[in-house]
Amino acid sequence: MLEQLKEIIVNYVEVEAESITMESRFVEDLGFTSFDFMNMLGEIEDTFDIEVDPQKAGNIRTVQEAVDYFTSIQE
């Protein structure tokens, strides 16, 4: 899932996929705006065929937290 998520992230912000780590923070490190983040969540829902809870998504700060959450609802 991490590699797929990296591919999606680079569509929204100008970072190299290789520079994205599990500890990367969406806003502080990757430069996401809340608008970018919400658009990315929509793409993630389509890509992984999952439904993201907006309340829980609002608590996601790092790539690790995103991977953990998306994996947990994908099962």
PDB file of N, CA and C in Angstrom:
ATOM      1  N   MET A   1       0.815  -1.198   0.000  1.00  0.00           N
ATOM      2  CA  MET A   1       0.000   0.000   0.000  1.00  0.00           C
ATOM      3  C   MET A   1       0.859   1.262   0.000  1.00  0.00           C
ATOM      4  N   LEU A   2       1.997   1.243   0.647  1.00  0.00           N
ATOM      5  CA  LEU A   2       2.840   2.435   0.729  1.00  0.00           C
ATOM      6  C   LEU A   2       3.237   2.931  -0.652  1.00  0.00           C
ATOM      7  N   GLU A   3       3.664   2.034  -1.514  1.00  0.00           N
ATOM      8  CA  GLU A   3       4.103   2.461  -2.845  1.00  0.00           C
ATOM      9  C   GLU A   3       2.956   3.076  -3.638  1.00  0.00           C
ATOM     10  N   GLN A   4       1.772   2.490  -3.537  1.00  0.00           N
ATOM     11  CA  GLN A   4       0.604   3.042  -4.222  1.00  0.00           C
ATOM     12  C   GLN A   4       0.257   4.416  -3.654  1.00  0.00           C
ATOM     13  N   LEU A   5       0.348   4.542  -2.343  1.00  0.00           N
ATOM     14  CA  LEU A   5       0.047   5.820  -1.704  1.00  0.00           C
ATOM     15  C   LEU A   5       1.042   6.890  -2.145  1.00  0.00           C
ATOM     16  N   LYS A   6       2.310   6.528  -2.246  1.00  0.00           N
ATOM     17  CA  LYS A   6       3.320   7.480  -2.726  1.00  0.00           C
ATOM     18  C   LYS A   6       2.987   7.971  -4.125  1.00  0.00           C
ATOM     19  N   GLU A   7       2.551   7.042  -4.990  1.00  0.00           N
ATOM     20  CA  GLU A   7       2.190   7.415  -6.360  1.00  0.00           C
ATOM     21  C   GLU A   7       1.041   8.415  -6.369  1.00  0.00           C
ATOM     22  N   ILE A   8       0.113   8.257  -5.452  1.00  0.00           N
ATOM     23  CA  ILE A   8      -1.026   9.182  -5.357  1.00  0.00           C
ATOM     24  C   ILE A   8      -0.561  10.524  -4.793  1.00  0.00           C
ATOM     25  N   ILE A   9       0.263  10.496  -3.755  1.00  0.00           N
ATOM     26  CA  ILE A   9       0.734  11.728  -3.109  1.00  0.00           C
ATOM     27  C   ILE A   9       1.422  12.653  -4.108  1.00  0.00           C
ATOM     28  N   VAL A  10       2.278  12.098  -4.967  1.00  0.00           N
ATOM     29  CA  VAL A  10       3.031  12.951  -5.893  1.00  0.00           C
ATOM     30  C   VAL A  10       2.137  13.623  -6.937  1.00  0.00           C
ATOM     31  N   ASN A  11       0.894  13.169  -7.059  1.00  0.00           N
ATOM     32  CA  ASN A  11      -0.057  13.842  -7.946  1.00  0.00           C
ATOM     33  C   ASN A  11      -0.573  15.146  -7.348  1.00  0.00           C
ATOM     34  N   TYR A  12      -0.412  15.313  -6.048  1.00  0.00           N
ATOM     35  CA  TYR A  12      -0.999  16.459  -5.358  1.00  0.00           C
ATOM     36  C   TYR A  12       0.015  17.485  -4.870  1.00  0.00           C
ATOM     37  N   VAL A  13       1.220  17.056  -4.616  1.00  0.00           N
ATOM     38  CA  VAL A  13       2.258  17.980  -4.141  1.00  0.00           C
ATOM     39  C   VAL A  13       3.553  17.715  -4.900  1.00  0.00           C
ATOM     40  N   GLU A  14       4.400  18.712  -4.939  1.00  0.00           N
ATOM     41  CA  GLU A  14       5.645  18.587  -5.692  1.00  0.00           C
ATOM     42  C   GLU A  14       6.761  18.022  -4.824  1.00  0.00           C
ATOM     43  N   VAL A  15       6.726  16.712  -4.652  1.00  0.00           N
ATOM     44  CA  VAL A  15       7.787  15.996  -3.934  1.00  0.00           C
ATOM     45  C   VAL A  15       8.125  14.753  -4.746  1.00  0.00           C
ATOM     46  N   GLU A  16       9.322  14.270  -4.551  1.00  0.00           N
ATOM     47  CA  GLU A  16       9.739  13.035  -5.205  1.00  0.00           C
ATOM     48  C   GLU A  16       9.239  11.853  -4.357  1.00  0.00           C
ATOM     49  N   ALA A  17       8.751  10.826  -5.014  1.00  0.00           N
ATOM     50  CA  ALA A  17       8.243   9.651  -4.296  1.00  0.00           C
ATOM     51  C   ALA A  17       9.299   9.071  -3.368  1.00  0.00           C
ATOM     52  N   GLU A  18      10.566   9.124  -3.801  1.00  0.00           N
ATOM     53  CA  GLU A  18      11.651   8.551  -2.999  1.00  0.00           C
ATOM     54  C   GLU A  18      11.852   9.298  -1.679  1.00  0.00           C
ATOM     55  N   SER A  19      11.413  10.550  -1.622  1.00  0.00           N
ATOM     56  CA  SER A  19      11.624  11.339  -0.402  1.00  0.00           C
ATOM     57  C   SER A  19      10.500  11.161   0.614  1.00  0.00           C
ATOM     58  N   ILE A  20       9.447  10.445   0.233  1.00  0.00           N
ATOM     59  CA  ILE A  20       8.322  10.229   1.147  1.00  0.00           C
ATOM     60  C   ILE A  20       8.629   9.037   2.036  1.00  0.00           C
ATOM     61  N   THR A  21       8.551   9.258   3.351  1.00  0.00           N
ATOM     62  CA  THR A  21       8.794   8.183   4.313  1.00  0.00           C
ATOM     63  C   THR A  21       7.538   7.968   5.150  1.00  0.00           C
ATOM     64  N   MET A  22       7.554   6.930   5.938  1.00  0.00           N
ATOM     65  CA  MET A  22       6.421   6.649   6.818  1.00  0.00           C
ATOM     66  C   MET A  22       6.243   7.776   7.843  1.00  0.00           C
ATOM     67  N   GLU A  23       7.321   8.474   8.163  1.00  0.00           N
ATOM     68  CA  GLU A  23       7.264   9.546   9.158  1.00  0.00           C
ATOM     69  C   GLU A  23       6.874  10.896   8.536  1.00  0.00           C
ATOM     70  N   SER A  24       6.802  10.972   7.213  1.00  0.00           N
ATOM     71  CA  SER A  24       6.469  12.234   6.549  1.00  0.00           C
ATOM     72  C   SER A  24       5.093  12.716   6.996  1.00  0.00           C
ATOM     73  N   ARG A  25       5.037  14.000   7.358  1.00  0.00           N
ATOM     74  CA  ARG A  25       3.763  14.611   7.752  1.00  0.00           C
ATOM     75  C   ARG A  25       3.178  15.293   6.511  1.00  0.00           C
ATOM     76  N   PHE A  26       1.898  15.092   6.297  1.00  0.00           N
ATOM     77  CA  PHE A  26       1.262  15.600   5.081  1.00  0.00           C
ATOM     78  C   PHE A  26       1.393  17.114   4.943  1.00  0.00           C
ATOM     79  N   VAL A  27       1.076  17.851   5.978  1.00  0.00           N
ATOM     80  CA  VAL A  27       1.081  19.314   5.886  1.00  0.00           C
ATOM     81  C   VAL A  27       2.497  19.869   6.048  1.00  0.00           C
ATOM     82  N   GLU A  28       3.149  19.527   7.143  1.00  0.00           N
ATOM     83  CA  GLU A  28       4.434  20.134   7.467  1.00  0.00           C
ATOM     84  C   GLU A  28       5.572  19.710   6.537  1.00  0.00           C
ATOM     85  N   ASP A  29       5.609  18.431   6.176  1.00  0.00           N
ATOM     86  CA  ASP A  29       6.733  17.923   5.380  1.00  0.00           C
ATOM     87  C   ASP A  29       6.447  17.865   3.878  1.00  0.00           C
ATOM     88  N   LEU A  30       5.218  17.516   3.526  1.00  0.00           N
ATOM     89  CA  LEU A  30       4.898  17.312   2.118  1.00  0.00           C
ATOM     90  C   LEU A  30       4.214  18.512   1.476  1.00  0.00           C
ATOM     91  N   GLY A  31       3.734  19.441   2.290  1.00  0.00           N
ATOM     92  CA  GLY A  31       3.160  20.673   1.753  1.00  0.00           C
ATOM     93  C   GLY A  31       1.698  20.592   1.343  1.00  0.00           C
ATOM     94  N   PHE A  32       0.973  19.644   1.895  1.00  0.00           N
ATOM     95  CA  PHE A  32      -0.446  19.524   1.576  1.00  0.00           C
ATOM     96  C   PHE A  32      -1.250  20.681   2.164  1.00  0.00           C
ATOM     97  N   THR A  33      -2.266  21.129   1.416  1.00  0.00           N
ATOM     98  CA  THR A  33      -3.297  21.994   1.979  1.00  0.00           C
ATOM     99  C   THR A  33      -4.461  21.077   2.342  1.00  0.00           C
ATOM    100  N   SER A  34      -5.410  21.576   3.100  1.00  0.00           N
ATOM    101  CA  SER A  34      -6.560  20.736   3.449  1.00  0.00           C
ATOM    102  C   SER A  34      -7.330  20.347   2.192  1.00  0.00           C
ATOM    103  N   PHE A  35      -7.372  21.247   1.203  1.00  0.00           N
ATOM    104  CA  PHE A  35      -8.052  20.949  -0.064  1.00  0.00           C
ATOM    105  C   PHE A  35      -7.343  19.810  -0.799  1.00  0.00           C
ATOM    106  N   ASP A  36      -6.014  19.875  -0.872  1.00  0.00           N
ATOM    107  CA  ASP A  36      -5.235  18.801  -1.504  1.00  0.00           C
ATOM    108  C   ASP A  36      -5.505  17.470  -0.813  1.00  0.00           C
ATOM    109  N   PHE A  37      -5.506  17.511   0.513  1.00  0.00           N
ATOM    110  CA  PHE A  37      -5.662  16.286   1.298  1.00  0.00           C
ATOM    111  C   PHE A  37      -7.031  15.656   1.037  1.00  0.00           C
ATOM    112  N   MET A  38      -8.073  16.474   1.026  1.00  0.00           N
ATOM    113  CA  MET A  38      -9.420  15.940   0.803  1.00  0.00           C
ATOM    114  C   MET A  38      -9.547  15.371  -0.622  1.00  0.00           C
ATOM    115  N   ASN A  39      -8.953  16.037  -1.591  1.00  0.00           N
ATOM    116  CA  ASN A  39      -8.974  15.504  -2.960  1.00  0.00           C
ATOM    117  C   ASN A  39      -8.228  14.179  -3.042  1.00  0.00           C
ATOM    118  N   MET A  40      -7.101  14.100  -2.340  1.00  0.00           N
ATOM    119  CA  MET A  40      -6.334  12.859  -2.320  1.00  0.00           C
ATOM    120  C   MET A  40      -7.165  11.734  -1.701  1.00  0.00           C
ATOM    121  N   LEU A  41      -7.898  12.033  -0.645  1.00  0.00           N
ATOM    122  CA  LEU A  41      -8.726  11.006  -0.009  1.00  0.00           C
ATOM    123  C   LEU A  41      -9.757  10.449  -0.988  1.00  0.00           C
ATOM    124  N   GLY A  42     -10.322  11.326  -1.808  1.00  0.00           N
ATOM    125  CA  GLY A  42     -11.274  10.863  -2.818  1.00  0.00           C
ATOM    126  C   GLY A  42     -10.631   9.896  -3.793  1.00  0.00           C
ATOM    127  N   GLU A  43      -9.421  10.210  -4.211  1.00  0.00           N
ATOM    128  CA  GLU A  43      -8.708   9.311  -5.124  1.00  0.00           C
ATOM    129  C   GLU A  43      -8.379   7.991  -4.440  1.00  0.00           C
ATOM    130  N   ILE A  44      -8.021   8.052  -3.179  1.00  0.00           N
ATOM    131  CA  ILE A  44      -7.706   6.835  -2.421  1.00  0.00           C
ATOM    132  C   ILE A  44      -8.949   5.959  -2.308  1.00  0.00           C
ATOM    133  N   GLU A  45     -10.101   6.577  -2.057  1.00  0.00           N
ATOM    134  CA  GLU A  45     -11.346   5.807  -1.985  1.00  0.00           C
ATOM    135  C   GLU A  45     -11.590   5.063  -3.295  1.00  0.00           C
ATOM    136  N   ASP A  46     -11.394   5.755  -4.419  1.00  0.00           N
ATOM    137  CA  ASP A  46     -11.601   5.132  -5.728  1.00  0.00           C
ATOM    138  C   ASP A  46     -10.568   4.046  -6.006  1.00  0.00           C
ATOM    139  N   THR A  47      -9.315   4.336  -5.696  1.00  0.00           N
ATOM    140  CA  THR A  47      -8.227   3.409  -5.994  1.00  0.00           C
ATOM    141  C   THR A  47      -8.334   2.118  -5.189  1.00  0.00           C
ATOM    142  N   PHE A  48      -8.600   2.246  -3.889  1.00  0.00           N
ATOM    143  CA  PHE A  48      -8.604   1.074  -3.009  1.00  0.00           C
ATOM    144  C   PHE A  48     -10.005   0.535  -2.739  1.00  0.00           C
ATOM    145  N   ASP A  49     -11.028   1.171  -3.345  1.00  0.00           N
ATOM    146  CA  ASP A  49     -12.420   0.761  -3.150  1.00  0.00           C
ATOM    147  C   ASP A  49     -12.776   0.692  -1.659  1.00  0.00           C
ATOM    148  N   ILE A  50     -12.507   1.803  -0.977  1.00  0.00           N
ATOM    149  CA  ILE A  50     -12.820   1.919   0.445  1.00  0.00           C
ATOM    150  C   ILE A  50     -13.608   3.200   0.666  1.00  0.00           C
ATOM    151  N   GLU A  51     -14.222   3.308   1.848  1.00  0.00           N
ATOM    152  CA  GLU A  51     -14.921   4.530   2.215  1.00  0.00           C
ATOM    153  C   GLU A  51     -14.240   5.110   3.446  1.00  0.00           C
ATOM    154  N   VAL A  52     -13.707   6.305   3.290  1.00  0.00           N
ATOM    155  CA  VAL A  52     -12.953   6.965   4.353  1.00  0.00           C
ATOM    156  C   VAL A  52     -13.914   7.765   5.226  1.00  0.00           C
ATOM    157  N   ASP A  53     -13.815   7.580   6.525  1.00  0.00           N
ATOM    158  CA  ASP A  53     -14.600   8.358   7.486  1.00  0.00           C
ATOM    159  C   ASP A  53     -13.948   9.735   7.622  1.00  0.00           C
ATOM    160  N   PRO A  54     -14.658  10.811   7.254  1.00  0.00           N
ATOM    161  CA  PRO A  54     -14.049  12.149   7.306  1.00  0.00           C
ATOM    162  C   PRO A  54     -13.549  12.542   8.698  1.00  0.00           C
ATOM    163  N   GLN A  55     -14.241  12.100   9.747  1.00  0.00           N
ATOM    164  CA  GLN A  55     -13.804  12.404  11.110  1.00  0.00           C
ATOM    165  C   GLN A  55     -12.441  11.771  11.396  1.00  0.00           C
ATOM    166  N   LYS A  56     -12.305  10.500  11.039  1.00  0.00           N
ATOM    167  CA  LYS A  56     -11.041   9.800  11.286  1.00  0.00           C
ATOM    168  C   LYS A  56      -9.944  10.319  10.371  1.00  0.00           C
ATOM    169  N   ALA A  57     -10.302  10.645   9.137  1.00  0.00           N
ATOM    170  CA  ALA A  57      -9.316  11.167   8.190  1.00  0.00           C
ATOM    171  C   ALA A  57      -8.744  12.491   8.682  1.00  0.00           C
ATOM    172  N   GLY A  58      -9.540  13.258   9.385  1.00  0.00           N
ATOM    173  CA  GLY A  58      -9.081  14.538   9.917  1.00  0.00           C
ATOM    174  C   GLY A  58      -7.986  14.394  10.956  1.00  0.00           C
ATOM    175  N   ASN A  59      -7.845  13.202  11.511  1.00  0.00           N
ATOM    176  CA  ASN A  59      -6.811  12.946  12.522  1.00  0.00           C
ATOM    177  C   ASN A  59      -5.523  12.399  11.922  1.00  0.00           C
ATOM    178  N   ILE A  60      -5.515  12.139  10.637  1.00  0.00           N
ATOM    179  CA  ILE A  60      -4.329  11.580   9.983  1.00  0.00           C
ATOM    180  C   ILE A  60      -3.314  12.694   9.763  1.00  0.00           C
ATOM    181  N   ARG A  61      -2.126  12.513  10.307  1.00  0.00           N
ATOM    182  CA  ARG A  61      -1.071  13.519  10.165  1.00  0.00           C
ATOM    183  C   ARG A  61       0.139  13.011   9.382  1.00  0.00           C
ATOM    184  N   THR A  62       0.413  11.712   9.477  1.00  0.00           N
ATOM    185  CA  THR A  62       1.605  11.161   8.833  1.00  0.00           C
ATOM    186  C   THR A  62       1.234  10.077   7.824  1.00  0.00           C
ATOM    187  N   VAL A  63       2.182   9.747   6.975  1.00  0.00           N
ATOM    188  CA  VAL A  63       1.988   8.678   6.003  1.00  0.00           C
ATOM    189  C   VAL A  63       1.730   7.361   6.739  1.00  0.00           C
ATOM    190  N   GLN A  64       2.439   7.123   7.835  1.00  0.00           N
ATOM    191  CA  GLN A  64       2.232   5.904   8.628  1.00  0.00           C
ATOM    192  C   GLN A  64       0.790   5.805   9.118  1.00  0.00           C
ATOM    193  N   GLU A  65       0.264   6.902   9.651  1.00  0.00           N
ATOM    194  CA  GLU A  65      -1.122   6.897  10.129  1.00  0.00           C
ATOM    195  C   GLU A  65      -2.088   6.631   8.983  1.00  0.00           C
ATOM    196  N   ALA A  66      -1.800   7.177   7.805  1.00  0.00           N
ATOM    197  CA  ALA A  66      -2.659   6.947   6.643  1.00  0.00           C
ATOM    198  C   ALA A  66      -2.632   5.477   6.239  1.00  0.00           C
ATOM    199  N   VAL A  67      -1.438   4.908   6.136  1.00  0.00           N
ATOM    200  CA  VAL A  67      -1.313   3.496   5.759  1.00  0.00           C
ATOM    201  C   VAL A  67      -2.042   2.613   6.764  1.00  0.00           C
ATOM    202  N   ASP A  68      -1.851   2.885   8.052  1.00  0.00           N
ATOM    203  CA  ASP A  68      -2.511   2.083   9.090  1.00  0.00           C
ATOM    204  C   ASP A  68      -4.027   2.166   8.967  1.00  0.00           C
ATOM    205  N   TYR A  69      -4.537   3.383   8.796  1.00  0.00           N
ATOM    206  CA  TYR A  69      -5.989   3.563   8.715  1.00  0.00           C
ATOM    207  C   TYR A  69      -6.557   2.919   7.452  1.00  0.00           C
ATOM    208  N   PHE A  70      -5.949   3.189   6.305  1.00  0.00           N
ATOM    209  CA  PHE A  70      -6.478   2.644   5.057  1.00  0.00           C
ATOM    210  C   PHE A  70      -6.417   1.125   5.051  1.00  0.00           C
ATOM    211  N   THR A  71      -5.356   0.562   5.610  1.00  0.00           N
ATOM    212  CA  THR A  71      -5.246  -0.893   5.693  1.00  0.00           C
ATOM    213  C   THR A  71      -6.340  -1.465   6.585  1.00  0.00           C
ATOM    214  N   SER A  72      -6.625  -0.780   7.693  1.00  0.00           N
ATOM    215  CA  SER A  72      -7.621  -1.288   8.646  1.00  0.00           C
ATOM    216  C   SER A  72      -9.032  -1.297   8.059  1.00  0.00           C
ATOM    217  N   ILE A  73      -9.355  -0.339   7.196  1.00  0.00           N
ATOM    218  CA  ILE A  73     -10.710  -0.323   6.625  1.00  0.00           C
ATOM    219  C   ILE A  73     -10.804  -1.094   5.322  1.00  0.00           C
ATOM    220  N   GLN A  74      -9.679  -1.500   4.803  1.00  0.00           N
ATOM    221  CA  GLN A  74      -9.663  -2.251   3.547  1.00  0.00           C
ATOM    222  C   GLN A  74      -9.994  -3.716   3.789  1.00  0.00           C
ATOM    223  N   GLU A  75      -9.778  -4.182   5.002  1.00  0.00           N
ATOM    224  CA  GLU A  75      -9.953  -5.612   5.298  1.00  0.00           C
ATOM    225  C   GLU A  75     -11.397  -5.995   5.479  1.00  0.00           C
TER     226      GLU A  75
END
